[in-house]
Amino acid sequence: MPRLKTVTPDQASGDVKEIYDDLKQKKGKVFNIFQGMGNSAAALDAYLSMNGALAKGELSPEDREVVYLTVSQKNGCHYCLSAHTMVAKGAGLSEDQILSIRKMSPESEKHAALGKFITRVMETNGFVDDADVKAVQDAGYTDGQIAESIAFIGLATYSNLFNHVYGTELDFPPAEKV
């Protein structure tokens, strides 16, 4: 149950209403996480703007979901795991691939290297070893993709923490427990 006020689309005004109208046009609805973030147009816009900017980057949609699922699994965010299971399927990942990513053992060697790097960044607060950076580079990731993966850690962490505080109710099919 949400612990902060929920700003429904019919209650929204000003900048939040504009953002909601755009979300309804692009996504067909205003997801529950955004109705919580709608308490602050700045917070909602920050999340959506960063997500939009990173979507234009070098990381493939599959790689972006490897990062999001890895971070959300480590942070225990059931809402994001549920949402990004659906998004990952849309990006071309199978249910088995998604579960293997969440179990920290992706089937793809390249995704395994990315998942391990993301985990190391989180475990060390970014103080990774040269070997950690070299391993993800050797797997085929560019320095730009590495930078974007770190930015996605920040974005995913923001949504994970927000969902934990807000108590976001699922509006996606629940992700399988692992």
N, C-alpha and C. Protein backbone atom coordinates (compact mmCIF):
# COMPACT_ATOMS: atom_id res chain seq x y z
N MET A 1 0.85 -1.18 0.00
CA MET A 1 0.00 0.00 0.00
C MET A 1 0.89 1.24 0.00
N PRO A 2 0.58 2.19 -0.86
CA PRO A 2 1.41 3.42 -0.93
C PRO A 2 1.46 4.16 0.40
N ARG A 3 2.66 4.64 0.72
CA ARG A 3 2.86 5.40 1.96
C ARG A 3 2.95 6.89 1.71
N LEU A 4 2.99 7.28 0.45
CA LEU A 4 2.93 8.69 0.07
C LEU A 4 1.63 8.88 -0.71
N LYS A 5 1.25 10.12 -0.88
CA LYS A 5 0.05 10.41 -1.66
C LYS A 5 0.22 9.89 -3.08
N THR A 6 -0.84 9.37 -3.63
CA THR A 6 -0.87 8.96 -5.04
C THR A 6 -1.53 10.09 -5.81
N VAL A 7 -0.86 10.56 -6.84
CA VAL A 7 -1.41 11.63 -7.68
C VAL A 7 -1.93 10.97 -8.95
N THR A 8 -3.23 10.75 -8.98
CA THR A 8 -3.85 10.09 -10.12
C THR A 8 -3.94 11.07 -11.29
N PRO A 9 -4.10 10.55 -12.50
CA PRO A 9 -4.19 11.46 -13.65
C PRO A 9 -5.30 12.50 -13.54
N ASP A 10 -6.43 12.15 -12.93
CA ASP A 10 -7.52 13.12 -12.81
C ASP A 10 -7.24 14.17 -11.73
N GLN A 11 -6.26 13.94 -10.86
CA GLN A 11 -5.89 14.91 -9.82
C GLN A 11 -4.73 15.81 -10.25
N ALA A 12 -4.03 15.41 -11.29
CA ALA A 12 -2.81 16.11 -11.70
C ALA A 12 -3.13 17.49 -12.27
N SER A 13 -2.21 18.41 -12.03
CA SER A 13 -2.33 19.75 -12.59
C SER A 13 -0.94 20.26 -12.95
N GLY A 14 -0.91 21.35 -13.70
CA GLY A 14 0.35 21.99 -14.04
C GLY A 14 1.31 21.08 -14.78
N ASP A 15 2.59 21.14 -14.37
CA ASP A 15 3.63 20.34 -15.03
C ASP A 15 3.37 18.85 -14.92
N VAL A 16 2.84 18.40 -13.79
CA VAL A 16 2.57 16.97 -13.63
C VAL A 16 1.50 16.53 -14.62
N LYS A 17 0.48 17.33 -14.81
CA LYS A 17 -0.56 16.99 -15.78
C LYS A 17 0.03 16.89 -17.19
N GLU A 18 0.91 17.82 -17.53
CA GLU A 18 1.55 17.77 -18.85
C GLU A 18 2.36 16.48 -19.02
N ILE A 19 3.10 16.12 -17.99
CA ILE A 19 3.90 14.89 -18.05
C ILE A 19 2.99 13.68 -18.16
N TYR A 20 1.92 13.66 -17.36
CA TYR A 20 0.97 12.54 -17.42
C TYR A 20 0.33 12.44 -18.80
N ASP A 21 -0.07 13.57 -19.36
CA ASP A 21 -0.68 13.54 -20.70
C ASP A 21 0.29 12.95 -21.72
N ASP A 22 1.56 13.31 -21.61
CA ASP A 22 2.58 12.76 -22.50
C ASP A 22 2.75 11.25 -22.27
N LEU A 23 2.76 10.83 -21.00
CA LEU A 23 2.87 9.40 -20.69
C LEU A 23 1.68 8.62 -21.24
N LYS A 24 0.48 9.17 -21.07
CA LYS A 24 -0.72 8.48 -21.58
C LYS A 24 -0.63 8.33 -23.10
N GLN A 25 -0.13 9.36 -23.76
CA GLN A 25 0.00 9.30 -25.22
C GLN A 25 1.04 8.27 -25.64
N LYS A 26 2.19 8.24 -24.95
CA LYS A 26 3.28 7.34 -25.33
C LYS A 26 3.11 5.92 -24.82
N LYS A 27 2.60 5.76 -23.58
CA LYS A 27 2.55 4.44 -22.94
C LYS A 27 1.13 3.89 -22.81
N GLY A 28 0.13 4.74 -23.06
CA GLY A 28 -1.25 4.30 -22.94
C GLY A 28 -1.84 4.47 -21.56
N LYS A 29 -1.00 4.72 -20.56
CA LYS A 29 -1.46 4.92 -19.19
C LYS A 29 -0.35 5.56 -18.37
N VAL A 30 -0.69 5.93 -17.15
CA VAL A 30 0.29 6.46 -16.20
C VAL A 30 0.51 5.36 -15.16
N PHE A 31 1.67 4.71 -15.23
CA PHE A 31 1.96 3.60 -14.34
C PHE A 31 2.02 4.07 -12.89
N ASN A 32 1.79 3.13 -11.97
CA ASN A 32 1.72 3.47 -10.55
C ASN A 32 2.97 4.17 -10.02
N ILE A 33 4.16 3.75 -10.47
CA ILE A 33 5.38 4.41 -10.01
C ILE A 33 5.33 5.91 -10.33
N PHE A 34 4.82 6.24 -11.51
CA PHE A 34 4.77 7.65 -11.91
C PHE A 34 3.70 8.41 -11.14
N GLN A 35 2.64 7.73 -10.72
CA GLN A 35 1.62 8.40 -9.90
C GLN A 35 2.15 8.71 -8.51
N GLY A 36 3.16 7.96 -8.07
CA GLY A 36 3.84 8.29 -6.82
C GLY A 36 4.85 9.41 -7.03
N MET A 37 5.65 9.28 -8.10
CA MET A 37 6.62 10.32 -8.39
C MET A 37 5.93 11.64 -8.72
N GLY A 38 4.66 11.56 -9.10
CA GLY A 38 3.89 12.75 -9.46
C GLY A 38 3.71 13.72 -8.31
N ASN A 39 4.12 13.34 -7.11
CA ASN A 39 4.12 14.29 -6.00
C ASN A 39 5.09 15.43 -6.25
N SER A 40 6.06 15.19 -7.14
CA SER A 40 7.04 16.21 -7.49
C SER A 40 7.28 16.16 -8.99
N ALA A 41 6.89 17.21 -9.68
CA ALA A 41 7.14 17.27 -11.12
C ALA A 41 8.64 17.14 -11.40
N ALA A 42 9.45 17.72 -10.54
CA ALA A 42 10.91 17.66 -10.74
C ALA A 42 11.42 16.23 -10.62
N ALA A 43 10.95 15.48 -9.62
CA ALA A 43 11.40 14.10 -9.43
C ALA A 43 10.94 13.23 -10.59
N LEU A 44 9.70 13.39 -11.01
CA LEU A 44 9.17 12.61 -12.12
C LEU A 44 9.90 12.96 -13.42
N ASP A 45 10.09 14.24 -13.66
CA ASP A 45 10.79 14.67 -14.88
C ASP A 45 12.24 14.19 -14.88
N ALA A 46 12.88 14.20 -13.71
CA ALA A 46 14.27 13.74 -13.63
C ALA A 46 14.37 12.28 -14.05
N TYR A 47 13.48 11.45 -13.54
CA TYR A 47 13.50 10.03 -13.89
C TYR A 47 13.26 9.84 -15.39
N LEU A 48 12.20 10.45 -15.89
CA LEU A 48 11.83 10.27 -17.30
C LEU A 48 12.89 10.86 -18.24
N SER A 49 13.46 12.00 -17.87
CA SER A 49 14.48 12.63 -18.71
C SER A 49 15.74 11.78 -18.78
N MET A 50 16.17 11.27 -17.64
CA MET A 50 17.37 10.43 -17.64
C MET A 50 17.12 9.14 -18.43
N ASN A 51 15.96 8.55 -18.24
CA ASN A 51 15.61 7.35 -18.98
C ASN A 51 15.60 7.63 -20.48
N GLY A 52 15.01 8.74 -20.87
CA GLY A 52 14.96 9.11 -22.29
C GLY A 52 16.33 9.37 -22.87
N ALA A 53 17.17 10.05 -22.11
CA ALA A 53 18.52 10.34 -22.59
C ALA A 53 19.32 9.05 -22.77
N LEU A 54 19.23 8.16 -21.81
CA LEU A 54 19.99 6.91 -21.89
C LEU A 54 19.48 5.99 -22.99
N ALA A 55 18.20 6.09 -23.31
CA ALA A 55 17.64 5.26 -24.39
C ALA A 55 18.27 5.61 -25.74
N LYS A 56 18.86 6.81 -25.84
CA LYS A 56 19.52 7.24 -27.08
C LYS A 56 20.98 6.82 -27.13
N GLY A 57 21.45 6.12 -26.10
CA GLY A 57 22.86 5.78 -26.00
C GLY A 57 23.25 4.57 -26.82
N GLU A 58 24.46 4.08 -26.53
CA GLU A 58 25.06 2.97 -27.26
C GLU A 58 24.62 1.61 -26.76
N LEU A 59 24.19 1.50 -25.52
CA LEU A 59 23.78 0.19 -25.00
C LEU A 59 22.54 -0.30 -25.74
N SER A 60 22.54 -1.56 -26.10
CA SER A 60 21.37 -2.15 -26.75
C SER A 60 20.22 -2.25 -25.75
N PRO A 61 18.99 -2.35 -26.22
CA PRO A 61 17.87 -2.55 -25.29
C PRO A 61 18.08 -3.77 -24.38
N GLU A 62 18.65 -4.85 -24.93
CA GLU A 62 18.91 -6.05 -24.12
C GLU A 62 19.92 -5.74 -23.02
N ASP A 63 21.00 -5.03 -23.37
CA ASP A 63 22.02 -4.68 -22.37
C ASP A 63 21.43 -3.78 -21.28
N ARG A 64 20.59 -2.83 -21.68
CA ARG A 64 19.96 -1.95 -20.69
C ARG A 64 19.14 -2.77 -19.70
N GLU A 65 18.47 -3.79 -20.19
CA GLU A 65 17.65 -4.62 -19.30
C GLU A 65 18.51 -5.52 -18.43
N VAL A 66 19.67 -5.94 -18.93
CA VAL A 66 20.61 -6.69 -18.08
C VAL A 66 20.97 -5.83 -16.87
N VAL A 67 21.28 -4.56 -17.12
CA VAL A 67 21.64 -3.67 -16.01
C VAL A 67 20.45 -3.49 -15.08
N TYR A 68 19.29 -3.15 -15.63
CA TYR A 68 18.11 -2.86 -14.80
C TYR A 68 17.71 -4.07 -13.96
N LEU A 69 17.71 -5.26 -14.58
CA LEU A 69 17.33 -6.47 -13.85
C LEU A 69 18.36 -6.83 -12.78
N THR A 70 19.64 -6.66 -13.10
CA THR A 70 20.70 -6.96 -12.13
C THR A 70 20.58 -6.05 -10.92
N VAL A 71 20.45 -4.75 -11.17
CA VAL A 71 20.35 -3.79 -10.06
C VAL A 71 19.09 -4.05 -9.24
N SER A 72 17.98 -4.24 -9.91
CA SER A 72 16.71 -4.44 -9.21
C SER A 72 16.69 -5.73 -8.41
N GLN A 73 17.34 -6.76 -8.93
CA GLN A 73 17.45 -8.02 -8.18
C GLN A 73 18.29 -7.80 -6.93
N LYS A 74 19.45 -7.15 -7.10
CA LYS A 74 20.34 -6.89 -5.95
C LYS A 74 19.64 -6.02 -4.90
N ASN A 75 18.80 -5.08 -5.35
CA ASN A 75 18.13 -4.17 -4.43
C ASN A 75 16.77 -4.70 -3.95
N GLY A 76 16.36 -5.86 -4.46
CA GLY A 76 15.11 -6.47 -4.01
C GLY A 76 13.87 -5.68 -4.37
N CYS A 77 13.85 -5.05 -5.53
CA CYS A 77 12.69 -4.25 -5.94
C CYS A 77 11.75 -5.09 -6.80
N HIS A 78 10.72 -5.63 -6.17
CA HIS A 78 9.76 -6.49 -6.88
C HIS A 78 9.01 -5.70 -7.96
N TYR A 79 8.71 -4.45 -7.71
CA TYR A 79 8.02 -3.64 -8.72
C TYR A 79 8.87 -3.53 -9.98
N CYS A 80 10.13 -3.13 -9.83
CA CYS A 80 11.00 -2.97 -11.01
C CYS A 80 11.29 -4.31 -11.67
N LEU A 81 11.44 -5.36 -10.89
CA LEU A 81 11.65 -6.68 -11.50
C LEU A 81 10.45 -7.08 -12.34
N SER A 82 9.27 -6.78 -11.85
CA SER A 82 8.04 -7.10 -12.60
C SER A 82 7.95 -6.25 -13.86
N ALA A 83 8.15 -4.95 -13.71
CA ALA A 83 8.07 -4.05 -14.86
C ALA A 83 9.14 -4.40 -15.90
N HIS A 84 10.36 -4.61 -15.45
CA HIS A 84 11.45 -4.83 -16.40
C HIS A 84 11.51 -6.25 -16.93
N THR A 85 10.81 -7.17 -16.30
CA THR A 85 10.63 -8.49 -16.93
C THR A 85 9.81 -8.30 -18.20
N MET A 86 8.76 -7.50 -18.10
CA MET A 86 7.92 -7.21 -19.27
C MET A 86 8.71 -6.43 -20.33
N VAL A 87 9.45 -5.42 -19.91
CA VAL A 87 10.24 -4.61 -20.84
C VAL A 87 11.31 -5.48 -21.51
N ALA A 88 11.96 -6.34 -20.73
CA ALA A 88 13.01 -7.21 -21.26
C ALA A 88 12.45 -8.16 -22.32
N LYS A 89 11.25 -8.66 -22.09
CA LYS A 89 10.62 -9.52 -23.10
C LYS A 89 10.39 -8.74 -24.38
N GLY A 90 9.97 -7.50 -24.25
CA GLY A 90 9.78 -6.62 -25.41
C GLY A 90 11.09 -6.31 -26.12
N ALA A 91 12.19 -6.37 -25.37
CA ALA A 91 13.52 -6.11 -25.95
C ALA A 91 14.10 -7.36 -26.60
N GLY A 92 13.39 -8.47 -26.49
CA GLY A 92 13.83 -9.69 -27.15
C GLY A 92 14.43 -10.76 -26.26
N LEU A 93 14.44 -10.55 -24.96
CA LEU A 93 14.96 -11.57 -24.06
C LEU A 93 13.86 -12.56 -23.71
N SER A 94 14.22 -13.83 -23.64
CA SER A 94 13.26 -14.87 -23.29
C SER A 94 13.09 -14.94 -21.78
N GLU A 95 12.05 -15.63 -21.34
CA GLU A 95 11.83 -15.82 -19.91
C GLU A 95 13.04 -16.50 -19.26
N ASP A 96 13.60 -17.51 -19.92
CA ASP A 96 14.78 -18.20 -19.39
C ASP A 96 15.97 -17.26 -19.29
N GLN A 97 16.18 -16.42 -20.29
CA GLN A 97 17.29 -15.46 -20.24
C GLN A 97 17.10 -14.47 -19.10
N ILE A 98 15.87 -14.01 -18.92
CA ILE A 98 15.57 -13.06 -17.85
C ILE A 98 15.85 -13.68 -16.49
N LEU A 99 15.40 -14.90 -16.30
CA LEU A 99 15.63 -15.57 -15.02
C LEU A 99 17.12 -15.82 -14.79
N SER A 100 17.85 -16.16 -15.84
CA SER A 100 19.30 -16.39 -15.67
C SER A 100 20.01 -15.08 -15.31
N ILE A 101 19.58 -13.97 -15.87
CA ILE A 101 20.15 -12.67 -15.51
C ILE A 101 19.87 -12.39 -14.03
N ARG A 102 18.65 -12.62 -13.61
CA ARG A 102 18.27 -12.35 -12.22
C ARG A 102 18.98 -13.26 -11.23
N LYS A 103 19.37 -14.44 -11.69
CA LYS A 103 20.13 -15.38 -10.84
C LYS A 103 21.63 -15.11 -10.91
N MET A 104 22.00 -14.04 -11.59
CA MET A 104 23.39 -13.60 -11.74
C MET A 104 24.23 -14.61 -12.51
N SER A 105 23.59 -15.30 -13.46
CA SER A 105 24.32 -16.24 -14.31
C SER A 105 23.73 -16.20 -15.73
N PRO A 106 23.84 -15.03 -16.40
CA PRO A 106 23.29 -14.91 -17.74
C PRO A 106 23.87 -15.95 -18.69
N GLU A 107 23.03 -16.40 -19.62
CA GLU A 107 23.43 -17.41 -20.61
C GLU A 107 24.50 -16.87 -21.55
N SER A 108 24.39 -15.63 -21.94
CA SER A 108 25.34 -14.99 -22.85
C SER A 108 26.60 -14.60 -22.09
N GLU A 109 27.78 -14.93 -22.65
CA GLU A 109 29.04 -14.53 -22.01
C GLU A 109 29.16 -13.01 -21.91
N LYS A 110 28.69 -12.33 -22.94
CA LYS A 110 28.76 -10.86 -22.93
C LYS A 110 27.88 -10.30 -21.82
N HIS A 111 26.65 -10.81 -21.71
CA HIS A 111 25.76 -10.34 -20.64
C HIS A 111 26.29 -10.73 -19.27
N ALA A 112 26.94 -11.89 -19.18
CA ALA A 112 27.53 -12.30 -17.90
C ALA A 112 28.61 -11.31 -17.47
N ALA A 113 29.43 -10.89 -18.42
CA ALA A 113 30.48 -9.91 -18.09
C ALA A 113 29.88 -8.58 -17.65
N LEU A 114 28.82 -8.15 -18.33
CA LEU A 114 28.16 -6.90 -17.95
C LEU A 114 27.52 -7.03 -16.57
N GLY A 115 26.82 -8.14 -16.34
CA GLY A 115 26.19 -8.35 -15.03
C GLY A 115 27.21 -8.39 -13.90
N LYS A 116 28.34 -9.05 -14.15
CA LYS A 116 29.38 -9.11 -13.13
C LYS A 116 29.96 -7.73 -12.86
N PHE A 117 30.15 -6.95 -13.93
CA PHE A 117 30.67 -5.59 -13.75
C PHE A 117 29.69 -4.75 -12.94
N ILE A 118 28.42 -4.81 -13.28
CA ILE A 118 27.39 -4.04 -12.55
C ILE A 118 27.41 -4.43 -11.08
N THR A 119 27.47 -5.73 -10.82
CA THR A 119 27.51 -6.21 -9.44
C THR A 119 28.73 -5.69 -8.71
N ARG A 120 29.89 -5.70 -9.36
CA ARG A 120 31.12 -5.20 -8.74
C ARG A 120 31.02 -3.70 -8.46
N VAL A 121 30.44 -2.94 -9.39
CA VAL A 121 30.28 -1.50 -9.16
C VAL A 121 29.42 -1.27 -7.93
N MET A 122 28.33 -2.04 -7.83
CA MET A 122 27.44 -1.88 -6.68
C MET A 122 28.12 -2.31 -5.37
N GLU A 123 28.83 -3.43 -5.41
CA GLU A 123 29.48 -3.96 -4.20
C GLU A 123 30.60 -3.06 -3.70
N THR A 124 31.28 -2.38 -4.61
CA THR A 124 32.45 -1.58 -4.24
C THR A 124 32.16 -0.08 -4.23
N ASN A 125 30.89 0.29 -4.43
CA ASN A 125 30.54 1.71 -4.55
C ASN A 125 31.35 2.40 -5.64
N GLY A 126 31.63 1.65 -6.70
CA GLY A 126 32.35 2.19 -7.85
C GLY A 126 33.86 2.04 -7.78
N PHE A 127 34.39 1.59 -6.65
CA PHE A 127 35.84 1.43 -6.51
C PHE A 127 36.26 0.06 -7.05
N VAL A 128 36.01 -0.15 -8.34
CA VAL A 128 36.33 -1.42 -8.98
C VAL A 128 37.82 -1.49 -9.28
N ASP A 129 38.29 -2.70 -9.50
CA ASP A 129 39.70 -2.94 -9.86
C ASP A 129 39.87 -2.73 -11.37
N ASP A 130 41.11 -2.53 -11.77
CA ASP A 130 41.42 -2.45 -13.20
C ASP A 130 40.95 -3.72 -13.92
N ALA A 131 41.08 -4.85 -13.26
CA ALA A 131 40.67 -6.13 -13.86
C ALA A 131 39.17 -6.15 -14.13
N ASP A 132 38.37 -5.51 -13.27
CA ASP A 132 36.92 -5.46 -13.49
C ASP A 132 36.59 -4.68 -14.76
N VAL A 133 37.26 -3.55 -14.95
CA VAL A 133 37.04 -2.73 -16.14
C VAL A 133 37.54 -3.47 -17.38
N LYS A 134 38.70 -4.08 -17.29
CA LYS A 134 39.26 -4.81 -18.43
C LYS A 134 38.35 -5.96 -18.84
N ALA A 135 37.77 -6.67 -17.87
CA ALA A 135 36.90 -7.81 -18.18
C ALA A 135 35.67 -7.37 -18.98
N VAL A 136 35.06 -6.26 -18.61
CA VAL A 136 33.87 -5.81 -19.34
C VAL A 136 34.27 -5.25 -20.70
N GLN A 137 35.44 -4.61 -20.78
CA GLN A 137 35.95 -4.15 -22.08
C GLN A 137 36.27 -5.34 -22.98
N ASP A 138 36.92 -6.36 -22.42
CA ASP A 138 37.27 -7.56 -23.19
C ASP A 138 36.03 -8.29 -23.70
N ALA A 139 34.91 -8.13 -23.01
CA ALA A 139 33.65 -8.75 -23.45
C ALA A 139 33.04 -8.01 -24.63
N GLY A 140 33.60 -6.84 -24.96
CA GLY A 140 33.13 -6.11 -26.13
C GLY A 140 32.43 -4.80 -25.83
N TYR A 141 32.41 -4.38 -24.59
CA TYR A 141 31.75 -3.12 -24.24
C TYR A 141 32.72 -1.96 -24.39
N THR A 142 32.23 -0.89 -25.02
CA THR A 142 33.02 0.32 -25.20
C THR A 142 33.02 1.14 -23.91
N ASP A 143 33.92 2.10 -23.85
CA ASP A 143 33.95 2.99 -22.69
C ASP A 143 32.64 3.76 -22.56
N GLY A 144 32.05 4.12 -23.70
CA GLY A 144 30.74 4.80 -23.67
C GLY A 144 29.66 3.91 -23.10
N GLN A 145 29.65 2.65 -23.48
CA GLN A 145 28.66 1.72 -22.95
C GLN A 145 28.88 1.47 -21.46
N ILE A 146 30.13 1.46 -21.04
CA ILE A 146 30.43 1.30 -19.62
C ILE A 146 29.90 2.51 -18.85
N ALA A 147 30.11 3.71 -19.39
CA ALA A 147 29.59 4.92 -18.74
C ALA A 147 28.07 4.86 -18.64
N GLU A 148 27.43 4.43 -19.73
CA GLU A 148 25.97 4.34 -19.71
C GLU A 148 25.48 3.29 -18.72
N SER A 149 26.20 2.18 -18.60
CA SER A 149 25.77 1.15 -17.66
C SER A 149 25.82 1.68 -16.23
N ILE A 150 26.81 2.52 -15.93
CA ILE A 150 26.89 3.13 -14.60
C ILE A 150 25.74 4.11 -14.40
N ALA A 151 25.40 4.86 -15.45
CA ALA A 151 24.25 5.77 -15.35
C ALA A 151 22.96 4.98 -15.12
N PHE A 152 22.83 3.83 -15.77
CA PHE A 152 21.64 2.99 -15.56
C PHE A 152 21.59 2.44 -14.14
N ILE A 153 22.75 2.20 -13.53
CA ILE A 153 22.74 1.80 -12.12
C ILE A 153 22.07 2.89 -11.30
N GLY A 154 22.44 4.14 -11.57
CA GLY A 154 21.84 5.26 -10.85
C GLY A 154 20.35 5.36 -11.08
N LEU A 155 19.92 5.22 -12.33
CA LEU A 155 18.50 5.31 -12.66
C LEU A 155 17.71 4.18 -12.00
N ALA A 156 18.23 2.97 -12.10
CA ALA A 156 17.54 1.82 -11.51
C ALA A 156 17.50 1.94 -9.98
N THR A 157 18.60 2.38 -9.41
CA THR A 157 18.64 2.55 -7.96
C THR A 157 17.62 3.58 -7.51
N TYR A 158 17.50 4.67 -8.25
CA TYR A 158 16.50 5.70 -7.92
C TYR A 158 15.11 5.08 -7.92
N SER A 159 14.75 4.37 -8.98
CA SER A 159 13.39 3.80 -9.03
C SER A 159 13.21 2.72 -7.97
N ASN A 160 14.25 1.91 -7.72
CA ASN A 160 14.16 0.88 -6.68
C ASN A 160 13.89 1.51 -5.32
N LEU A 161 14.70 2.50 -4.96
CA LEU A 161 14.54 3.14 -3.66
C LEU A 161 13.20 3.87 -3.55
N PHE A 162 12.80 4.52 -4.64
CA PHE A 162 11.51 5.20 -4.62
C PHE A 162 10.39 4.19 -4.36
N ASN A 163 10.42 3.07 -5.06
CA ASN A 163 9.37 2.06 -4.87
C ASN A 163 9.35 1.51 -3.46
N HIS A 164 10.53 1.34 -2.85
CA HIS A 164 10.58 0.85 -1.47
C HIS A 164 9.95 1.85 -0.51
N VAL A 165 10.25 3.13 -0.69
CA VAL A 165 9.70 4.16 0.19
C VAL A 165 8.21 4.35 -0.07
N TYR A 166 7.84 4.47 -1.32
CA TYR A 166 6.45 4.75 -1.70
C TYR A 166 5.55 3.56 -1.42
N GLY A 167 6.05 2.35 -1.62
CA GLY A 167 5.20 1.16 -1.49
C GLY A 167 4.36 0.96 -2.74
N THR A 168 4.99 1.12 -3.89
CA THR A 168 4.29 1.08 -5.17
C THR A 168 3.57 -0.25 -5.35
N GLU A 169 2.29 -0.16 -5.68
CA GLU A 169 1.49 -1.35 -5.95
C GLU A 169 1.73 -1.79 -7.39
N LEU A 170 1.82 -3.11 -7.58
CA LEU A 170 2.08 -3.65 -8.92
C LEU A 170 0.95 -3.32 -9.89
N ASP A 171 1.34 -2.92 -11.07
CA ASP A 171 0.39 -2.80 -12.18
C ASP A 171 0.95 -3.53 -13.40
N PHE A 172 1.79 -4.52 -13.13
CA PHE A 172 2.36 -5.43 -14.12
C PHE A 172 2.16 -6.84 -13.58
N PRO A 173 2.24 -7.84 -14.45
CA PRO A 173 2.24 -9.21 -13.92
C PRO A 173 3.44 -9.38 -12.99
N PRO A 174 3.28 -10.04 -11.85
CA PRO A 174 4.40 -10.17 -10.92
C PRO A 174 5.53 -11.01 -11.50
N ALA A 175 6.75 -10.57 -11.23
CA ALA A 175 7.93 -11.33 -11.64
C ALA A 175 8.03 -12.58 -10.80
N GLU A 176 8.53 -13.63 -11.43
CA GLU A 176 8.74 -14.89 -10.71
C GLU A 176 9.78 -14.68 -9.62
N LYS A 177 9.57 -15.30 -8.48
CA LYS A 177 10.56 -15.23 -7.38
C LYS A 177 11.74 -16.11 -7.75
N VAL A 178 12.95 -15.64 -7.44
CA VAL A 178 14.16 -16.46 -7.65
C VAL A 178 14.96 -16.54 -6.37
